Protein backbone atom coordinates (compact mmCIF):
# COMPACT_ATOMS: atom_id res chain seq x y z
CA MET A 1 115.14 72.25 103.45
CA ALA A 2 113.27 75.53 103.31
CA ARG A 3 112.51 77.43 107.19
CA ARG A 4 109.36 78.04 107.84
CA PRO A 5 107.73 81.50 107.79
CA LEU A 6 107.64 82.53 111.39
CA LEU A 7 105.93 85.32 112.93
CA GLU A 8 108.01 88.27 114.46
CA PHE A 9 107.14 86.83 118.37
CA GLU A 10 108.44 84.01 117.13
CA LYS A 11 111.72 85.12 115.71
CA PRO A 12 113.50 83.74 119.58
CA LEU A 13 113.20 79.96 118.34
CA VAL A 14 115.04 81.22 115.61
CA GLU A 15 118.43 80.00 116.66
CA LEU A 16 117.24 76.67 118.29
CA GLU A 17 115.44 76.06 114.68
CA GLU A 18 118.66 76.73 113.25
CA GLN A 19 120.97 74.67 115.27
CA ILE A 20 118.31 71.74 115.25
CA GLU A 21 118.70 71.41 111.24
CA GLN A 22 122.64 71.98 111.47
CA ILE A 23 122.01 68.81 113.73
CA ARG A 24 119.79 67.07 111.21
CA GLN A 25 121.76 67.64 108.89
CA LEU A 26 125.03 66.58 110.38
CA ALA A 27 123.62 63.48 111.01
CA LYS A 28 122.57 62.46 107.30
CA ASP A 29 126.16 63.39 106.43
CA SER A 30 127.73 61.27 108.94
CA GLU A 31 127.48 58.37 111.40
CA VAL A 32 127.90 60.04 114.43
CA ASP A 33 124.97 59.51 117.01
CA VAL A 34 122.92 62.97 117.24
CA SER A 35 120.28 61.80 118.70
CA GLN A 36 120.11 62.68 122.53
CA GLN A 37 121.49 66.36 121.32
CA LEU A 38 118.33 66.85 119.14
CA LEU A 39 115.93 65.50 121.23
CA GLN A 40 117.44 68.01 124.36
CA LEU A 41 116.45 71.07 121.88
CA GLU A 42 113.52 69.89 119.78
CA THR A 43 112.09 69.66 123.34
CA LEU A 44 113.81 72.96 124.40
CA ALA A 45 112.32 74.30 121.31
CA THR A 46 108.75 72.87 121.95
CA ARG A 47 108.72 74.09 125.53
CA ARG A 48 109.21 78.27 124.40
CA ARG A 49 107.61 77.51 121.95
CA GLU A 50 104.34 77.04 124.12
CA GLU A 51 105.39 79.68 126.17
CA ILE A 52 105.04 82.40 123.81
CA PHE A 53 102.21 80.77 122.81
CA SER A 54 100.54 80.70 125.85
CA ALA A 55 100.81 84.58 126.69
CA LEU A 56 99.68 85.94 122.86
CA SER A 57 97.82 89.01 123.02
CA PRO A 58 94.94 89.99 120.97
CA SER A 59 97.29 91.69 117.73
CA GLN A 60 99.03 88.62 117.77
CA LYS A 61 96.55 86.33 117.71
CA ILE A 62 95.82 87.60 114.58
CA GLN A 63 98.81 87.18 112.83
CA VAL A 64 98.17 83.58 113.78
CA ALA A 65 94.86 83.60 112.25
CA ARG A 66 96.39 85.21 109.25
CA HIS A 67 99.62 82.63 108.70
CA PRO A 68 99.87 81.93 104.93
CA GLN A 69 100.08 78.38 105.87
CA ARG A 70 97.73 77.61 108.55
CA PRO A 71 95.61 75.16 107.50
CA SER A 72 92.75 75.75 104.97
CA THR A 73 88.59 75.17 104.35
CA LEU A 74 89.70 71.85 101.95
CA ASP A 75 93.28 71.05 103.77
CA TYR A 76 90.71 70.41 106.77
CA ILE A 77 87.75 68.55 104.35
CA GLN A 78 90.78 65.80 102.74
CA VAL A 79 91.44 64.48 106.45
CA ILE A 80 88.23 64.84 107.97
CA SER A 81 85.98 63.66 104.99
CA GLU A 82 86.73 59.81 103.61
CA GLU A 83 84.62 60.93 101.16
CA TRP A 84 84.07 64.61 99.04
CA LEU A 85 82.53 66.11 96.07
CA GLU A 86 83.01 69.62 95.22
CA LEU A 87 79.88 71.05 93.72
CA HIS A 88 80.28 74.55 91.40
CA GLY A 89 78.06 77.85 90.87
CA ASP A 90 75.20 79.85 91.96
CA ARG A 91 73.05 79.09 89.06
CA ARG A 92 73.25 82.76 88.30
CA GLY A 93 76.28 82.31 85.64
CA SER A 94 78.98 82.55 88.53
CA ASP A 95 80.76 80.08 90.61
CA ASP A 96 83.07 82.42 93.13
CA GLN A 97 86.38 80.52 94.11
CA ALA A 98 86.58 82.46 97.46
CA LEU A 99 83.87 80.05 98.75
CA VAL A 100 84.01 76.40 98.33
CA GLY A 101 81.32 73.48 98.97
CA GLY A 102 80.03 69.74 97.91
CA ILE A 103 79.04 67.02 99.69
CA GLY A 104 81.60 64.30 101.88
CA ARG A 105 81.01 62.37 104.62
CA ILE A 106 82.69 62.40 107.80
CA GLY A 107 82.27 58.33 109.14
CA ASP A 108 78.89 57.22 108.35
CA GLN A 109 77.50 60.59 108.22
CA PRO A 110 76.98 62.46 104.62
CA VAL A 111 77.44 66.16 105.13
CA VAL A 112 77.34 69.27 103.11
CA LEU A 113 80.69 70.73 103.68
CA LEU A 114 81.28 74.33 102.94
CA GLY A 115 84.13 77.37 103.79
CA HIS A 116 86.12 80.72 102.98
CA GLN A 117 88.57 79.69 101.01
CA LYS A 118 92.23 81.38 100.78
CA GLY A 119 95.66 81.00 98.93
CA ARG A 120 99.19 79.68 99.98
CA ASP A 121 100.66 82.20 97.93
CA THR A 122 99.87 85.81 95.73
CA LYS A 123 99.02 84.03 92.81
CA GLU A 124 96.27 81.59 95.10
CA ASN A 125 95.60 84.91 97.20
CA VAL A 126 93.91 87.20 93.70
CA ALA A 127 92.64 83.34 92.20
CA ARG A 128 90.79 83.05 95.76
CA ASN A 129 89.90 87.09 95.85
CA PHE A 130 92.07 86.78 99.99
CA GLY A 131 88.89 84.24 100.90
CA MET A 132 86.64 87.52 100.46
CA ALA A 133 83.63 85.98 98.65
CA SER A 134 81.68 87.49 96.58
CA PRO A 135 77.87 87.98 96.33
CA GLY A 136 78.12 84.43 94.03
CA GLY A 137 79.78 83.07 96.90
CA TYR A 138 77.31 83.81 99.34
CA ARG A 139 74.63 82.45 97.18
CA LYS A 140 76.04 79.14 96.05
CA ALA A 141 76.54 78.37 99.92
CA MET A 142 73.17 79.22 100.13
CA ARG A 143 72.09 76.85 97.15
CA LEU A 144 74.08 73.86 98.73
CA MET A 145 72.64 74.55 102.53
CA ASP A 146 68.90 74.55 100.47
CA HIS A 147 70.12 70.92 98.73
CA ALA A 148 71.42 70.14 102.70
CA ASP A 149 67.87 70.79 103.56
CA ARG A 150 65.58 68.76 101.50
CA PHE A 151 68.33 65.64 101.78
CA ARG A 152 68.35 66.31 105.59
CA LEU A 153 72.11 66.42 105.71
CA PRO A 154 74.05 68.24 108.36
CA ILE A 155 75.87 71.21 107.32
CA LEU A 156 79.19 71.80 108.55
CA SER A 157 80.39 75.23 107.28
CA PHE A 158 84.29 76.89 108.15
CA ILE A 159 85.05 80.87 108.40
CA ASP A 160 88.43 82.00 107.56
CA THR A 161 88.19 85.53 105.92
CA PRO A 162 89.23 89.21 106.46
CA GLY A 163 85.20 89.94 105.43
CA ALA A 164 83.03 90.07 101.99
CA TYR A 165 84.10 91.72 99.19
CA ALA A 166 83.64 95.57 99.10
CA GLY A 167 84.19 96.24 95.64
CA VAL A 168 81.69 98.12 93.27
CA LEU A 169 80.82 94.87 91.06
CA ALA A 170 79.91 93.16 94.33
CA GLU A 171 77.91 96.07 95.38
CA GLU A 172 76.34 96.49 92.09
CA GLN A 173 75.51 92.54 92.20
CA GLY A 174 73.99 92.67 95.51
CA GLN A 175 76.48 91.44 97.90
CA GLY A 176 74.20 93.31 100.98
CA GLU A 177 71.02 91.44 99.90
CA ALA A 178 72.94 88.11 99.06
CA ILE A 179 74.63 88.05 103.09
CA ALA A 180 71.01 89.08 104.48
CA VAL A 181 69.25 86.33 102.51
CA ASN A 182 71.71 83.96 104.44
CA LEU A 183 71.16 84.96 107.68
CA ARG A 184 67.68 84.61 107.11
CA GLU A 185 67.12 81.67 105.29
CA MET A 186 69.94 79.46 107.36
CA PHE A 187 67.48 80.17 110.42
CA ARG A 188 64.78 77.91 108.86
CA LEU A 189 66.93 75.21 107.84
CA ARG A 190 65.65 71.79 109.49
CA VAL A 191 69.06 70.37 109.23
CA PRO A 192 72.15 70.66 112.35
CA VAL A 193 74.61 73.39 111.34
CA ILE A 194 78.01 73.72 112.71
CA ALA A 195 80.12 76.59 112.02
CA THR A 196 83.38 76.49 112.43
CA VAL A 197 86.29 79.81 112.85
CA ILE A 198 89.65 78.42 111.04
CA GLY A 199 90.88 81.00 110.71
CA GLU A 200 89.74 84.57 110.52
CA GLY A 201 86.28 85.38 111.15
CA GLY A 202 85.71 88.56 109.91
CA SER A 203 82.10 91.00 110.01
CA GLY A 204 79.24 90.25 107.98
CA GLY A 205 82.03 88.01 105.60
CA ALA A 206 81.71 85.45 108.38
CA LEU A 207 78.28 85.30 109.39
CA GLY A 208 77.12 84.43 106.19
CA ILE A 209 77.83 81.11 106.72
CA GLY A 210 77.39 81.64 110.52
CA VAL A 211 74.38 81.11 111.67
CA ALA A 212 74.55 77.92 113.17
CA ASP A 213 73.78 76.10 116.11
CA ARG A 214 77.18 75.02 116.56
CA LEU A 215 79.58 77.55 116.78
CA LEU A 216 83.13 76.24 117.34
CA MET A 217 86.13 78.27 117.05
CA PHE A 218 89.94 77.14 117.34
CA GLU A 219 92.43 78.36 119.74
CA HIS A 220 93.91 81.10 118.42
CA SER A 221 91.46 82.03 115.33
CA VAL A 222 89.55 84.91 115.85
CA TYR A 223 86.14 86.53 115.12
CA THR A 224 85.68 90.18 114.98
CA VAL A 225 82.59 92.60 114.07
CA ALA A 226 85.64 94.68 111.82
CA SER A 227 89.52 93.95 111.27
CA PRO A 228 91.91 96.02 114.15
CA GLU A 229 92.36 98.14 112.03
CA ALA A 230 89.83 99.01 110.29
CA CYS A 231 88.19 99.63 113.63
CA ALA A 232 91.45 101.88 114.07
CA SER A 233 90.97 103.64 111.91
CA ILE A 234 87.38 104.98 111.85
CA LEU A 235 87.57 106.12 115.23
CA TRP A 236 91.21 107.07 115.88
CA ARG A 237 92.07 107.71 112.36
CA ASP A 238 95.28 105.79 113.12
CA ALA A 239 95.73 102.08 112.11
CA SER A 240 98.66 101.97 113.45
CA LYS A 241 95.97 101.63 116.39
CA ALA A 242 95.12 98.34 115.77
CA PRO A 243 96.99 96.55 118.81
CA ALA A 244 94.75 98.63 120.87
CA ALA A 245 91.76 97.93 118.85
CA ALA A 246 92.35 94.61 118.20
CA ALA A 247 91.72 94.26 122.96
CA ALA A 248 88.90 96.66 123.10
CA LEU A 249 86.81 94.09 120.15
CA LYS A 250 87.19 91.38 122.29
CA ILE A 251 88.02 89.21 119.04
CA THR A 252 89.44 86.11 121.08
CA ALA A 253 88.46 82.65 121.22
CA ALA A 254 88.62 83.27 125.32
CA ASP A 255 86.69 86.41 125.22
CA LEU A 256 83.76 85.01 122.67
CA LEU A 257 83.35 81.77 125.27
CA GLN A 258 83.07 84.21 127.59
CA LEU A 259 80.61 85.90 126.30
CA GLY A 260 78.09 83.32 125.02
CA VAL A 261 79.06 83.57 121.31
CA VAL A 262 81.44 80.76 120.86
CA ASP A 263 80.02 77.27 121.97
CA LEU A 264 83.32 75.88 122.25
CA VAL A 265 87.08 76.30 122.17
CA LEU A 266 89.18 73.99 119.83
CA PRO A 267 93.09 73.52 121.36
CA GLU A 268 96.04 73.52 118.94
CA PRO A 269 99.19 72.10 118.55
CA SER A 270 102.40 74.18 120.32
CA GLY A 271 103.04 76.72 118.27
CA GLY A 272 99.63 77.03 116.00
CA ASN A 273 97.86 74.92 113.82
CA HIS A 274 100.30 75.70 110.98
CA TRP A 275 102.60 73.64 112.67
CA SER A 276 100.56 70.48 113.20
CA PRO A 277 97.42 70.50 110.28
CA VAL A 278 96.80 67.16 110.29
CA GLN A 279 96.69 66.78 114.29
CA ALA A 280 94.46 70.16 113.88
CA ALA A 281 92.33 68.08 111.44
CA ASN A 282 91.43 65.34 113.87
CA THR A 283 90.67 67.38 117.08
CA LEU A 284 88.88 69.49 114.81
CA ARG A 285 87.08 65.84 113.08
CA GLU A 286 86.69 64.72 116.72
CA ALA A 287 84.82 67.79 117.63
CA LEU A 288 82.44 67.92 114.63
CA LEU A 289 81.58 64.50 115.65
CA GLU A 290 80.49 65.21 118.82
CA GLN A 291 78.56 68.00 118.50
CA LEU A 292 76.80 66.01 115.43
CA THR A 293 75.90 63.17 117.35
CA GLU A 294 74.04 66.06 119.86
CA LEU A 295 72.33 67.64 117.67
CA LYS A 296 70.57 64.77 116.00
CA ALA A 297 69.15 63.43 118.79
CA LEU A 298 67.05 66.88 118.72
CA SER A 299 63.02 67.26 117.04
CA GLU A 300 63.13 69.72 114.28
CA SER A 301 60.97 71.73 116.49
CA GLU A 302 63.66 71.44 119.32
CA LEU A 303 66.68 72.48 117.00
CA LEU A 304 64.76 75.85 115.33
CA LYS A 305 64.24 76.53 118.79
CA GLN A 306 67.09 76.13 120.31
CA ARG A 307 69.14 78.12 117.22
CA TYR A 308 66.46 81.13 117.30
CA ASP A 309 66.92 81.77 121.21
CA LYS A 310 71.11 80.99 121.00
CA PHE A 311 71.46 84.35 118.96
CA ARG A 312 68.72 85.73 121.23
CA ARG A 313 71.09 85.41 123.83
CA VAL A 314 74.06 86.90 122.27
CA GLY A 315 75.34 90.27 122.95
CA ARG A 316 75.54 92.06 126.01
CA PHE A 317 75.59 96.31 126.56
CA ILE A 318 76.28 98.48 129.67
CA GLU A 319 74.20 101.74 130.26
CA ALA A 320 76.29 104.14 132.22
CA GLU A 321 74.60 107.47 133.91
CA ALA A 322 75.71 110.27 132.81
CA THR A 323 78.19 112.54 134.73
CA ASP A 324 78.35 116.53 134.56
CA SER A 325 81.67 116.39 133.93
CA SER A 326 80.30 114.31 130.95
CA LEU A 327 77.90 116.24 129.85
CA SER A 328 79.99 119.43 130.07
CA THR A 329 82.19 120.81 127.00
C-alpha cells in the first residue's frame, strides 16, 4: 500500500504510520489477533495528528491548502450532488480546463456549480494549468451564472487557485477585463450565490467567482490578496521570508472570520480534508443546504442589498499619527 504523502510538519507521524502498516500486514499474513494493538496505535496517531493540526502556523496551513491530494471542485461535486452535467465553453472559442462548471442537483434543489480545478499529478496540472484560469475560464463562468440567473438557479462556486493565469496570451485576451466584468455582474445576479474556499484562494483569480451572498471557508484553506511568496518578494526582495508574509497577510480562516470577510468556517477532519474527503464533502453539503435555505427566504431586493452591504463592510484600516522620528531621514 502506497504511503500517503506527508507534509514536513507531519514527519513525527511517520514512525506511527509505519508501525500501523506493519501490524495490518501481519494481520493479513497470519491468524494473530492484533486488533487491540492496532486500535491503540491508530488512537495515538489520531491524537498526535489533532495536536499538530490544531496549532498550525499560517505558512503550514498554506501547505495543507496546496496538498496534492486535497479534494478538488470535481471531487466535491461528485459527492454532494445527486445529478451533475458539466457544460463547456465560453461561446467565444475557448473551453478553459482550469475552471469547470455545469448544472446539478443537491437534494431537491437544482443549482449551477462551478469552480477552479487543479490536477493530481504533473500531467493533470499541466492540462488544468495548475488551477489558474484564463479569460475564457472566467467568461465561461459568467455564461453559466447568466444561465443560473435566467432560470432562477442558485449558484455554488468553489475557489481553489493560486491566482488567475498571468501569461502574455491571457493579457492579450483581456484577463483583467474578464475578471472585472465578473465582479460587476455578480453583484447584479438575482439568485443566491454561495462561494466556498476549498483550498487556496489567490488574488483576483479567486474574486472572479467569489462575489457571493455567503463566503464559506474550510478550516485549513487560505484566502489572500497575493501569495506569501509574491508578497515577500515585493516587500523584502526575498521569497524565503514567505512565512513572515503569511502571518502578516491574515490569510487563515480564523483571521478572516474575525475580520468579517468570511461568513462561516467549516471544520476539517483530523489531518485535513485529504485524510477523509467524503467526510469533508458531507460537511460541505450540510453547510450549503443550510445557507441555501436561509438565502431562499429573502426577496430579490433583500438579496441584492445584503450582498452589496456585505462587501461595503469588508476592509479595515488604521491611521497612525506621524512622529518626529518617522519623519526624520
